All heavy atoms as atom14 arrays in JSON, in Angstrom:
{
  "sequence": "HAYGDRMLPQLSLNGSVPNYSRQIVNVVQPDGSQIFTPLQQTTSSL",
  "atom14_mask": [
    [1, 1, 1, 1, 1, 1, 1, 1, 1, 1, 0, 0, 0, 0],
    [1, 1, 1, 1, 1, 0, 0, 0, 0, 0, 0, 0, 0, 0],
    [1, 1, 1, 1, 1, 1, 1, 1, 1, 1, 1, 1, 0, 0],
    [1, 1, 1, 1, 0, 0, 0, 0, 0, 0, 0, 0, 0, 0],
    [1, 1, 1, 1, 1, 1, 1, 1, 0, 0, 0, 0, 0, 0],
    [1, 1, 1, 1, 1, 1, 1, 1, 1, 1, 1, 0, 0, 0],
    [1, 1, 1, 1, 1, 1, 1, 1, 0, 0, 0, 0, 0, 0],
    [1, 1, 1, 1, 1, 1, 1, 1, 0, 0, 0, 0, 0, 0],
    [1, 1, 1, 1, 1, 1, 1, 0, 0, 0, 0, 0, 0, 0],
    [1, 1, 1, 1, 1, 1, 1, 1, 1, 0, 0, 0, 0, 0],
    [1, 1, 1, 1, 1, 1, 1, 1, 0, 0, 0, 0, 0, 0],
    [1, 1, 1, 1, 1, 1, 0, 0, 0, 0, 0, 0, 0, 0],
    [1, 1, 1, 1, 1, 1, 1, 1, 0, 0, 0, 0, 0, 0],
    [1, 1, 1, 1, 1, 1, 1, 1, 0, 0, 0, 0, 0, 0],
    [1, 1, 1, 1, 0, 0, 0, 0, 0, 0, 0, 0, 0, 0],
    [1, 1, 1, 1, 1, 1, 0, 0, 0, 0, 0, 0, 0, 0],
    [1, 1, 1, 1, 1, 1, 1, 0, 0, 0, 0, 0, 0, 0],
    [1, 1, 1, 1, 1, 1, 1, 0, 0, 0, 0, 0, 0, 0],
    [1, 1, 1, 1, 1, 1, 1, 1, 0, 0, 0, 0, 0, 0],
    [1, 1, 1, 1, 1, 1, 1, 1, 1, 1, 1, 1, 0, 0],
    [1, 1, 1, 1, 1, 1, 0, 0, 0, 0, 0, 0, 0, 0],
    [1, 1, 1, 1, 1, 1, 1, 1, 1, 1, 1, 0, 0, 0],
    [1, 1, 1, 1, 1, 1, 1, 1, 1, 0, 0, 0, 0, 0],
    [1, 1, 1, 1, 1, 1, 1, 1, 0, 0, 0, 0, 0, 0],
    [1, 1, 1, 1, 1, 1, 1, 0, 0, 0, 0, 0, 0, 0],
    [1, 1, 1, 1, 1, 1, 1, 1, 0, 0, 0, 0, 0, 0],
    [1, 1, 1, 1, 1, 1, 1, 0, 0, 0, 0, 0, 0, 0],
    [1, 1, 1, 1, 1, 1, 1, 0, 0, 0, 0, 0, 0, 0],
    [1, 1, 1, 1, 1, 1, 1, 1, 1, 0, 0, 0, 0, 0],
    [1, 1, 1, 1, 1, 1, 1, 0, 0, 0, 0, 0, 0, 0],
    [1, 1, 1, 1, 1, 1, 1, 1, 0, 0, 0, 0, 0, 0],
    [1, 1, 1, 1, 0, 0, 0, 0, 0, 0, 0, 0, 0, 0],
    [1, 1, 1, 1, 1, 1, 0, 0, 0, 0, 0, 0, 0, 0],
    [1, 1, 1, 1, 1, 1, 1, 1, 1, 0, 0, 0, 0, 0],
    [1, 1, 1, 1, 1, 1, 1, 1, 0, 0, 0, 0, 0, 0],
    [1, 1, 1, 1, 1, 1, 1, 1, 1, 1, 1, 0, 0, 0],
    [1, 1, 1, 1, 1, 1, 1, 0, 0, 0, 0, 0, 0, 0],
    [1, 1, 1, 1, 1, 1, 1, 0, 0, 0, 0, 0, 0, 0],
    [1, 1, 1, 1, 1, 1, 1, 1, 0, 0, 0, 0, 0, 0],
    [1, 1, 1, 1, 1, 1, 1, 1, 1, 0, 0, 0, 0, 0],
    [1, 1, 1, 1, 1, 1, 1, 1, 1, 0, 0, 0, 0, 0],
    [1, 1, 1, 1, 1, 1, 1, 0, 0, 0, 0, 0, 0, 0],
    [1, 1, 1, 1, 1, 1, 1, 0, 0, 0, 0, 0, 0, 0],
    [1, 1, 1, 1, 1, 1, 0, 0, 0, 0, 0, 0, 0, 0],
    [1, 1, 1, 1, 1, 1, 0, 0, 0, 0, 0, 0, 0, 0],
    [1, 1, 1, 1, 1, 1, 1, 1, 0, 0, 0, 0, 0, 0]
  ],
  "atom14_positions": [
    [[103.58, 3.95, -99.83], [102.9, 4.68, -100.94], [102.52, 6.07, -100.52], [102.62, 7.03, -101.36], [101.69, 3.86, -101.36], [102.0, 2.58, -102.06], [102.9, 2.49, -103.11], [101.55, 1.32, -101.88], [103.0, 1.24, -103.51], [102.16, 0.48, -102.79], [0.0, 0.0, 0.0], [0.0, 0.0, 0.0], [0.0, 0.0, 0.0], [0.0, 0.0, 0.0]],
    [[102.06, 6.28, -99.31], [101.67, 7.6, -98.86], [102.89, 8.54, -98.82], [102.76, 9.7, -99.19], [101.04, 7.5, -97.47], [0.0, 0.0, 0.0], [0.0, 0.0, 0.0], [0.0, 0.0, 0.0], [0.0, 0.0, 0.0], [0.0, 0.0, 0.0], [0.0, 0.0, 0.0], [0.0, 0.0, 0.0], [0.0, 0.0, 0.0], [0.0, 0.0, 0.0]],
    [[104.02, 8.01, -98.39], [105.23, 8.84, -98.38], [105.64, 9.19, -99.79], [106.03, 10.34, -100.08], [106.36, 8.11, -97.67], [107.66, 8.92, -97.6], [107.84, 9.89, -96.66], [108.66, 8.69, -98.57], [109.04, 10.65, -96.62], [109.85, 9.42, -98.52], [110.0, 10.4, -97.57], [111.16, 11.14, -97.53], [0.0, 0.0, 0.0], [0.0, 0.0, 0.0]],
    [[105.56, 8.26, -100.71], [105.87, 8.53, -102.09], [104.95, 9.6, -102.71], [105.37, 10.45, -103.47], [0.0, 0.0, 0.0], [0.0, 0.0, 0.0], [0.0, 0.0, 0.0], [0.0, 0.0, 0.0], [0.0, 0.0, 0.0], [0.0, 0.0, 0.0], [0.0, 0.0, 0.0], [0.0, 0.0, 0.0], [0.0, 0.0, 0.0], [0.0, 0.0, 0.0]],
    [[103.66, 9.55, -102.31], [102.73, 10.55, -102.82], [103.07, 11.95, -102.3], [102.88, 12.93, -103.03], [101.3, 10.18, -102.41], [100.81, 8.92, -103.12], [101.37, 8.57, -104.16], [99.84, 8.28, -102.61], [0.0, 0.0, 0.0], [0.0, 0.0, 0.0], [0.0, 0.0, 0.0], [0.0, 0.0, 0.0], [0.0, 0.0, 0.0], [0.0, 0.0, 0.0]],
    [[103.56, 12.02, -101.06], [103.94, 13.3, -100.52], [105.14, 13.91, -101.24], [105.33, 15.15, -101.22], [104.25, 13.21, -99.02], [103.0, 12.94, -98.16], [103.3, 13.21, -96.68], [104.39, 12.41, -96.17], [104.22, 11.23, -95.6], [102.99, 10.69, -95.52], [105.24, 10.54, -95.16], [0.0, 0.0, 0.0], [0.0, 0.0, 0.0], [0.0, 0.0, 0.0]],
    [[105.95, 13.07, -101.89], [107.1, 13.57, -102.61], [106.75, 14.04, -104.03], [107.57, 14.61, -104.73], [108.19, 12.5, -102.7], [108.71, 12.08, -101.33], [109.43, 13.49, -100.42], [110.78, 13.91, -101.51], [0.0, 0.0, 0.0], [0.0, 0.0, 0.0], [0.0, 0.0, 0.0], [0.0, 0.0, 0.0], [0.0, 0.0, 0.0], [0.0, 0.0, 0.0]],
    [[105.54, 13.79, -104.45], [105.07, 14.24, -105.77], [104.71, 15.69, -105.72], [104.51, 16.28, -104.66], [103.86, 13.42, -106.22], [104.12, 11.93, -106.45], [102.78, 11.24, -106.78], [105.15, 11.69, -107.54], [0.0, 0.0, 0.0], [0.0, 0.0, 0.0], [0.0, 0.0, 0.0], [0.0, 0.0, 0.0], [0.0, 0.0, 0.0], [0.0, 0.0, 0.0]],
    [[104.63, 16.39, -106.87], [104.2, 17.77, -106.9], [102.83, 17.93, -106.25], [101.9, 17.16, -106.52], [104.18, 18.17, -108.38], [105.13, 17.19, -109.02], [105.04, 15.92, -108.22], [0.0, 0.0, 0.0], [0.0, 0.0, 0.0], [0.0, 0.0, 0.0], [0.0, 0.0, 0.0], [0.0, 0.0, 0.0], [0.0, 0.0, 0.0], [0.0, 0.0, 0.0]],
    [[102.69, 18.93, -105.4], [101.44, 19.18, -104.68], [100.77, 20.39, -105.27], [101.31, 21.49, -105.34], [101.72, 19.43, -103.19], [102.49, 18.28, -102.51], [101.68, 17.02, -102.47], [100.49, 17.04, -102.15], [102.3, 15.89, -102.81], [0.0, 0.0, 0.0], [0.0, 0.0, 0.0], [0.0, 0.0, 0.0], [0.0, 0.0, 0.0], [0.0, 0.0, 0.0]],
    [[99.54, 20.21, -105.76], [98.74, 21.25, -106.38], [97.7, 21.74, -105.37], [97.01, 20.95, -104.73], [98.04, 20.74, -107.63], [97.19, 21.76, -108.4], [98.06, 22.85, -109.0], [96.38, 21.08, -109.49], [0.0, 0.0, 0.0], [0.0, 0.0, 0.0], [0.0, 0.0, 0.0], [0.0, 0.0, 0.0], [0.0, 0.0, 0.0], [0.0, 0.0, 0.0]],
    [[97.66, 23.05, -105.17], [96.72, 23.63, -104.2], [96.04, 24.84, -104.8], [96.62, 25.62, -105.58], [97.42, 23.99, -102.91], [98.45, 24.99, -103.16], [0.0, 0.0, 0.0], [0.0, 0.0, 0.0], [0.0, 0.0, 0.0], [0.0, 0.0, 0.0], [0.0, 0.0, 0.0], [0.0, 0.0, 0.0], [0.0, 0.0, 0.0], [0.0, 0.0, 0.0]],
    [[94.78, 25.0, -104.42], [93.97, 26.15, -104.87], [93.44, 26.83, -103.62], [92.83, 26.21, -102.75], [92.81, 25.66, -105.75], [91.82, 26.75, -106.25], [92.55, 27.7, -107.22], [90.62, 26.11, -106.93], [0.0, 0.0, 0.0], [0.0, 0.0, 0.0], [0.0, 0.0, 0.0], [0.0, 0.0, 0.0], [0.0, 0.0, 0.0], [0.0, 0.0, 0.0]],
    [[93.69, 28.12, -103.51], [93.22, 28.88, -102.38], [92.61, 30.18, -102.83], [92.97, 30.72, -103.91], [94.33, 29.12, -101.37], [95.53, 29.84, -102.02], [95.49, 31.04, -102.21], [96.59, 29.09, -102.33], [0.0, 0.0, 0.0], [0.0, 0.0, 0.0], [0.0, 0.0, 0.0], [0.0, 0.0, 0.0], [0.0, 0.0, 0.0], [0.0, 0.0, 0.0]],
    [[91.74, 30.7, -102.05], [91.09, 31.97, -102.39], [90.26, 32.48, -101.24], [90.11, 31.82, -100.21], [0.0, 0.0, 0.0], [0.0, 0.0, 0.0], [0.0, 0.0, 0.0], [0.0, 0.0, 0.0], [0.0, 0.0, 0.0], [0.0, 0.0, 0.0], [0.0, 0.0, 0.0], [0.0, 0.0, 0.0], [0.0, 0.0, 0.0], [0.0, 0.0, 0.0]],
    [[89.71, 33.63, -101.39], [88.83, 34.22, -100.42], [87.51, 34.57, -101.03], [87.48, 35.09, -102.17], [89.46, 35.47, -99.82], [89.69, 36.48, -100.79], [0.0, 0.0, 0.0], [0.0, 0.0, 0.0], [0.0, 0.0, 0.0], [0.0, 0.0, 0.0], [0.0, 0.0, 0.0], [0.0, 0.0, 0.0], [0.0, 0.0, 0.0], [0.0, 0.0, 0.0]],
    [[86.48, 34.26, -100.32], [85.14, 34.62, -100.83], [85.0, 36.15, -100.9], [85.74, 36.87, -100.16], [84.04, 34.01, -99.93], [84.14, 32.54, -99.98], [84.18, 34.53, -98.5], [0.0, 0.0, 0.0], [0.0, 0.0, 0.0], [0.0, 0.0, 0.0], [0.0, 0.0, 0.0], [0.0, 0.0, 0.0], [0.0, 0.0, 0.0], [0.0, 0.0, 0.0]],
    [[84.13, 36.67, -101.71], [83.99, 38.12, -101.76], [83.78, 38.74, -100.39], [82.87, 38.36, -99.67], [82.8, 38.32, -102.71], [82.76, 37.11, -103.54], [83.29, 36.01, -102.68], [0.0, 0.0, 0.0], [0.0, 0.0, 0.0], [0.0, 0.0, 0.0], [0.0, 0.0, 0.0], [0.0, 0.0, 0.0], [0.0, 0.0, 0.0], [0.0, 0.0, 0.0]],
    [[84.64, 39.67, -100.06], [84.59, 40.36, -98.78], [83.81, 41.7, -98.99], [84.35, 42.62, -99.65], [85.98, 40.61, -98.22], [85.96, 41.27, -96.85], [84.93, 41.32, -96.19], [87.12, 41.8, -96.47], [0.0, 0.0, 0.0], [0.0, 0.0, 0.0], [0.0, 0.0, 0.0], [0.0, 0.0, 0.0], [0.0, 0.0, 0.0], [0.0, 0.0, 0.0]],
    [[82.66, 41.79, -98.44], [81.79, 42.94, -98.65], [81.82, 43.85, -97.41], [81.77, 43.4, -96.27], [80.39, 42.51, -98.93], [79.39, 43.68, -99.05], [79.31, 44.4, -100.23], [78.55, 43.95, -97.98], [78.43, 45.46, -100.33], [77.64, 45.0, -98.08], [77.56, 45.75, -99.26], [76.68, 46.77, -99.38], [0.0, 0.0, 0.0], [0.0, 0.0, 0.0]],
    [[81.97, 45.15, -97.7], [81.96, 46.17, -96.61], [81.2, 47.4, -97.09], [81.25, 47.75, -98.25], [83.38, 46.56, -96.19], [84.05, 47.23, -97.24], [0.0, 0.0, 0.0], [0.0, 0.0, 0.0], [0.0, 0.0, 0.0], [0.0, 0.0, 0.0], [0.0, 0.0, 0.0], [0.0, 0.0, 0.0], [0.0, 0.0, 0.0], [0.0, 0.0, 0.0]],
    [[80.51, 48.01, -96.15], [79.72, 49.21, -96.47], [79.92, 50.25, -95.36], [79.88, 49.91, -94.18], [78.23, 48.86, -96.57], [77.36, 50.03, -97.04], [75.9, 49.57, -97.17], [75.04, 50.61, -97.72], [74.5, 51.6, -97.04], [74.7, 51.7, -95.7], [73.74, 52.5, -97.63], [0.0, 0.0, 0.0], [0.0, 0.0, 0.0], [0.0, 0.0, 0.0]],
    [[80.2, 51.47, -95.76], [80.46, 52.53, -94.81], [79.96, 53.87, -95.36], [79.78, 54.01, -96.59], [81.95, 52.59, -94.42], [82.86, 52.8, -95.65], [84.31, 52.79, -95.28], [84.68, 53.02, -94.14], [85.18, 52.52, -96.25], [0.0, 0.0, 0.0], [0.0, 0.0, 0.0], [0.0, 0.0, 0.0], [0.0, 0.0, 0.0], [0.0, 0.0, 0.0]],
    [[79.85, 54.85, -94.5], [79.5, 56.22, -94.89], [80.76, 57.05, -94.87], [81.46, 57.1, -93.86], [78.45, 56.8, -93.91], [77.19, 55.88, -93.89], [78.06, 58.21, -94.38], [76.49, 55.7, -95.19], [0.0, 0.0, 0.0], [0.0, 0.0, 0.0], [0.0, 0.0, 0.0], [0.0, 0.0, 0.0], [0.0, 0.0, 0.0], [0.0, 0.0, 0.0]],
    [[81.05, 57.67, -95.98], [82.28, 58.45, -96.13], [81.9, 59.92, -96.37], [80.8, 60.24, -96.89], [83.16, 57.94, -97.26], [83.64, 56.53, -96.96], [82.45, 58.0, -98.6], [0.0, 0.0, 0.0], [0.0, 0.0, 0.0], [0.0, 0.0, 0.0], [0.0, 0.0, 0.0], [0.0, 0.0, 0.0], [0.0, 0.0, 0.0], [0.0, 0.0, 0.0]],
    [[82.83, 60.79, -96.01], [82.7, 62.22, -96.22], [83.32, 62.61, -97.53], [84.54, 62.42, -97.71], [83.34, 62.98, -95.03], [83.13, 64.45, -95.12], [82.3, 64.95, -95.93], [83.86, 65.2, -94.31], [0.0, 0.0, 0.0], [0.0, 0.0, 0.0], [0.0, 0.0, 0.0], [0.0, 0.0, 0.0], [0.0, 0.0, 0.0], [0.0, 0.0, 0.0]],
    [[82.55, 63.15, -98.42], [83.02, 63.55, -99.76], [83.0, 65.06, -99.88], [81.92, 65.67, -99.7], [82.18, 62.88, -100.91], [82.7, 63.28, -102.26], [82.18, 61.36, -100.72], [0.0, 0.0, 0.0], [0.0, 0.0, 0.0], [0.0, 0.0, 0.0], [0.0, 0.0, 0.0], [0.0, 0.0, 0.0], [0.0, 0.0, 0.0], [0.0, 0.0, 0.0]],
    [[84.14, 65.66, -100.17], [84.24, 67.13, -100.29], [83.83, 67.48, -101.75], [84.39, 66.97, -102.73], [85.64, 67.62, -99.98], [85.72, 69.15, -100.17], [86.05, 67.22, -98.58], [0.0, 0.0, 0.0], [0.0, 0.0, 0.0], [0.0, 0.0, 0.0], [0.0, 0.0, 0.0], [0.0, 0.0, 0.0], [0.0, 0.0, 0.0], [0.0, 0.0, 0.0]],
    [[82.9, 68.39, -101.87], [82.4, 68.82, -103.15], [83.32, 69.93, -103.72], [84.07, 70.57, -103.0], [80.97, 69.29, -103.02], [80.04, 68.23, -102.53], [79.98, 67.03, -103.48], [79.76, 67.15, -104.64], [80.18, 65.83, -102.87], [0.0, 0.0, 0.0], [0.0, 0.0, 0.0], [0.0, 0.0, 0.0], [0.0, 0.0, 0.0], [0.0, 0.0, 0.0]],
    [[83.2, 70.21, -105.05], [84.03, 71.3, -105.63], [83.82, 72.65, -105.02], [84.72, 73.5, -104.96], [83.62, 71.27, -107.1], [83.14, 69.87, -107.35], [82.48, 69.42, -106.07], [0.0, 0.0, 0.0], [0.0, 0.0, 0.0], [0.0, 0.0, 0.0], [0.0, 0.0, 0.0], [0.0, 0.0, 0.0], [0.0, 0.0, 0.0], [0.0, 0.0, 0.0]],
    [[82.63, 72.89, -104.51], [82.39, 74.2, -103.9], [82.79, 74.26, -102.43], [82.56, 75.23, -101.71], [80.87, 74.56, -104.03], [79.98, 73.49, -103.36], [80.55, 72.48, -102.87], [78.77, 73.65, -103.4], [0.0, 0.0, 0.0], [0.0, 0.0, 0.0], [0.0, 0.0, 0.0], [0.0, 0.0, 0.0], [0.0, 0.0, 0.0], [0.0, 0.0, 0.0]],
    [[83.43, 73.18, -101.96], [83.88, 73.16, -100.57], [82.93, 72.55, -99.59], [83.28, 72.33, -98.42], [0.0, 0.0, 0.0], [0.0, 0.0, 0.0], [0.0, 0.0, 0.0], [0.0, 0.0, 0.0], [0.0, 0.0, 0.0], [0.0, 0.0, 0.0], [0.0, 0.0, 0.0], [0.0, 0.0, 0.0], [0.0, 0.0, 0.0], [0.0, 0.0, 0.0]],
    [[81.73, 72.29, -100.01], [80.77, 71.66, -99.12], [81.07, 70.18, -98.96], [81.82, 69.59, -99.77], [79.35, 71.87, -99.65], [79.19, 71.23, -100.93], [0.0, 0.0, 0.0], [0.0, 0.0, 0.0], [0.0, 0.0, 0.0], [0.0, 0.0, 0.0], [0.0, 0.0, 0.0], [0.0, 0.0, 0.0], [0.0, 0.0, 0.0], [0.0, 0.0, 0.0]],
    [[80.5, 69.57, -97.98], [80.68, 68.15, -97.7], [79.37, 67.45, -97.68], [78.39, 67.95, -97.17], [81.4, 68.03, -96.34], [82.78, 68.63, -96.27], [83.42, 68.4, -94.94], [82.81, 67.85, -94.05], [84.66, 68.87, -94.81], [0.0, 0.0, 0.0], [0.0, 0.0, 0.0], [0.0, 0.0, 0.0], [0.0, 0.0, 0.0], [0.0, 0.0, 0.0]],
    [[79.39, 66.28, -98.23], [78.22, 65.43, -98.18], [78.66, 64.03, -97.73], [79.81, 63.63, -97.96], [77.49, 65.35, -99.54], [78.4, 64.72, -100.63], [76.99, 66.69, -99.98], [77.69, 64.46, -101.91], [0.0, 0.0, 0.0], [0.0, 0.0, 0.0], [0.0, 0.0, 0.0], [0.0, 0.0, 0.0], [0.0, 0.0, 0.0], [0.0, 0.0, 0.0]],
    [[77.76, 63.38, -97.1], [78.04, 62.03, -96.65], [77.29, 61.05, -97.59], [76.09, 61.16, -97.82], [77.56, 61.81, -95.25], [78.34, 62.64, -94.23], [77.92, 63.92, -93.89], [79.47, 62.11, -93.65], [78.64, 64.67, -92.98], [80.22, 62.88, -92.74], [79.8, 64.15, -92.41], [0.0, 0.0, 0.0], [0.0, 0.0, 0.0], [0.0, 0.0, 0.0]],
    [[78.1, 60.13, -98.15], [77.5, 59.2, -99.14], [77.92, 57.78, -98.75], [79.02, 57.53, -98.22], [78.02, 59.51, -100.55], [77.44, 58.63, -101.49], [79.52, 59.42, -100.63], [0.0, 0.0, 0.0], [0.0, 0.0, 0.0], [0.0, 0.0, 0.0], [0.0, 0.0, 0.0], [0.0, 0.0, 0.0], [0.0, 0.0, 0.0], [0.0, 0.0, 0.0]],
    [[77.11, 56.81, -99.0], [77.47, 55.41, -98.7], [78.5, 54.9, -99.7], [78.48, 55.24, -100.91], [76.14, 54.66, -98.86], [75.31, 55.48, -99.74], [75.69, 56.93, -99.49], [0.0, 0.0, 0.0], [0.0, 0.0, 0.0], [0.0, 0.0, 0.0], [0.0, 0.0, 0.0], [0.0, 0.0, 0.0], [0.0, 0.0, 0.0], [0.0, 0.0, 0.0]],
    [[79.39, 54.09, -99.22], [80.45, 53.48, -100.04], [80.45, 52.01, -99.81], [80.55, 51.5, -98.68], [81.83, 54.09, -99.7], [83.03, 53.49, -100.49], [82.9, 53.8, -101.97], [84.34, 54.04, -99.92], [0.0, 0.0, 0.0], [0.0, 0.0, 0.0], [0.0, 0.0, 0.0], [0.0, 0.0, 0.0], [0.0, 0.0, 0.0], [0.0, 0.0, 0.0]],
    [[80.31, 51.23, -100.88], [80.3, 49.79, -100.79], [81.49, 49.22, -101.5], [81.75, 49.55, -102.67], [78.98, 49.24, -101.38], [77.73, 49.77, -100.75], [76.46, 49.29, -101.4], [76.49, 48.29, -102.12], [75.36, 49.95, -101.19], [0.0, 0.0, 0.0], [0.0, 0.0, 0.0], [0.0, 0.0, 0.0], [0.0, 0.0, 0.0], [0.0, 0.0, 0.0]],
    [[82.24, 48.33, -100.84], [83.44, 47.75, -101.42], [83.35, 46.23, -101.37], [82.81, 45.64, -100.4], [84.68, 48.16, -100.63], [85.0, 49.67, -100.69], [86.26, 50.01, -99.92], [86.88, 49.17, -99.33], [86.6, 51.3, -99.96], [0.0, 0.0, 0.0], [0.0, 0.0, 0.0], [0.0, 0.0, 0.0], [0.0, 0.0, 0.0], [0.0, 0.0, 0.0]],
    [[83.83, 45.59, -102.41], [83.87, 44.15, -102.52], [85.25, 43.72, -103.02], [85.71, 44.16, -104.08], [82.78, 43.6, -103.44], [81.5, 44.06, -103.02], [82.78, 42.07, -103.47], [0.0, 0.0, 0.0], [0.0, 0.0, 0.0], [0.0, 0.0, 0.0], [0.0, 0.0, 0.0], [0.0, 0.0, 0.0], [0.0, 0.0, 0.0], [0.0, 0.0, 0.0]],
    [[85.94, 42.88, -102.29], [87.22, 42.36, -102.66], [87.21, 40.81, -102.63], [86.56, 40.2, -101.79], [88.34, 42.86, -101.75], [88.04, 42.44, -100.4], [88.44, 44.39, -101.79], [0.0, 0.0, 0.0], [0.0, 0.0, 0.0], [0.0, 0.0, 0.0], [0.0, 0.0, 0.0], [0.0, 0.0, 0.0], [0.0, 0.0, 0.0], [0.0, 0.0, 0.0]],
    [[87.9, 40.24, -103.56], [88.02, 38.76, -103.65], [89.31, 38.43, -104.28], [89.94, 39.21, -105.0], [86.84, 38.17, -104.44], [86.82, 38.69, -105.79], [0.0, 0.0, 0.0], [0.0, 0.0, 0.0], [0.0, 0.0, 0.0], [0.0, 0.0, 0.0], [0.0, 0.0, 0.0], [0.0, 0.0, 0.0], [0.0, 0.0, 0.0], [0.0, 0.0, 0.0]],
    [[89.79, 37.22, -104.03], [91.09, 36.76, -104.57], [91.03, 35.27, -104.81], [90.28, 34.52, -104.19], [92.23, 37.09, -103.63], [92.07, 36.44, -102.4], [0.0, 0.0, 0.0], [0.0, 0.0, 0.0], [0.0, 0.0, 0.0], [0.0, 0.0, 0.0], [0.0, 0.0, 0.0], [0.0, 0.0, 0.0], [0.0, 0.0, 0.0], [0.0, 0.0, 0.0]],
    [[91.92, 34.83, -105.69], [92.03, 33.42, -106.06], [93.47, 33.14, -106.45], [94.08, 33.9, -107.19], [91.09, 33.04, -107.22], [91.08, 31.58, -107.65], [90.45, 30.7, -106.51], [90.24, 31.4, -108.93], [0.0, 0.0, 0.0], [0.0, 0.0, 0.0], [0.0, 0.0, 0.0], [0.0, 0.0, 0.0], [0.0, 0.0, 0.0], [0.0, 0.0, 0.0]]
  ]
}
Protein backbone atom coordinates (compact mmCIF):
# COMPACT_ATOMS: atom_id res chain seq x y z
CA HIS A 1 0.00 0.00 0.00
CA ALA A 2 2.85 2.40 0.79
CA TYR A 3 4.41 1.76 -2.61
CA GLY A 4 1.06 2.34 -4.31
CA ASP A 5 0.67 5.64 -2.44
CA ARG A 6 4.08 6.77 -3.69
CA MET A 7 2.86 6.24 -7.26
CA LEU A 8 -0.06 8.62 -6.73
CA PRO A 9 0.24 12.36 -7.52
CA GLN A 10 2.31 14.08 -4.84
CA LEU A 11 1.16 17.52 -3.71
CA SER A 12 3.70 19.77 -2.02
CA LEU A 13 3.65 23.30 -0.66
CA ASN A 14 6.86 25.20 -0.09
CA GLY A 15 7.75 28.76 0.71
CA SER A 16 10.04 31.05 2.61
CA VAL A 17 9.15 33.15 5.59
CA PRO A 18 9.55 36.90 5.10
CA ASN A 19 13.25 37.64 4.82
CA TYR A 20 13.92 41.01 6.42
CA SER A 21 17.08 43.05 5.89
CA ARG A 22 18.06 46.57 6.87
CA GLN A 23 21.02 48.57 5.65
CA ILE A 24 22.28 52.13 5.22
CA VAL A 25 22.58 53.21 1.61
CA ASN A 26 24.12 56.23 -0.06
CA VAL A 27 21.52 58.26 -1.97
CA VAL A 28 22.70 60.95 -4.41
CA GLN A 29 20.52 64.03 -4.34
CA PRO A 30 19.60 66.16 -7.41
CA ASP A 31 22.05 68.83 -6.36
CA GLY A 32 24.88 66.29 -6.26
CA SER A 33 25.02 65.95 -2.51
CA GLN A 34 24.85 62.60 -0.81
CA ILE A 35 22.87 61.49 2.15
CA PHE A 36 22.80 58.22 3.97
CA THR A 37 19.35 56.80 4.56
CA PRO A 38 18.17 53.49 6.03
CA LEU A 39 16.72 50.95 3.60
CA GLN A 40 14.51 48.10 4.76
CA GLN A 41 13.69 45.18 2.45
CA THR A 42 11.32 42.26 2.94
CA THR A 43 11.03 39.34 0.52
CA SER A 44 8.84 36.25 0.73
CA SER A 45 7.73 33.48 -1.61
CA LEU A 46 5.20 30.66 -1.80
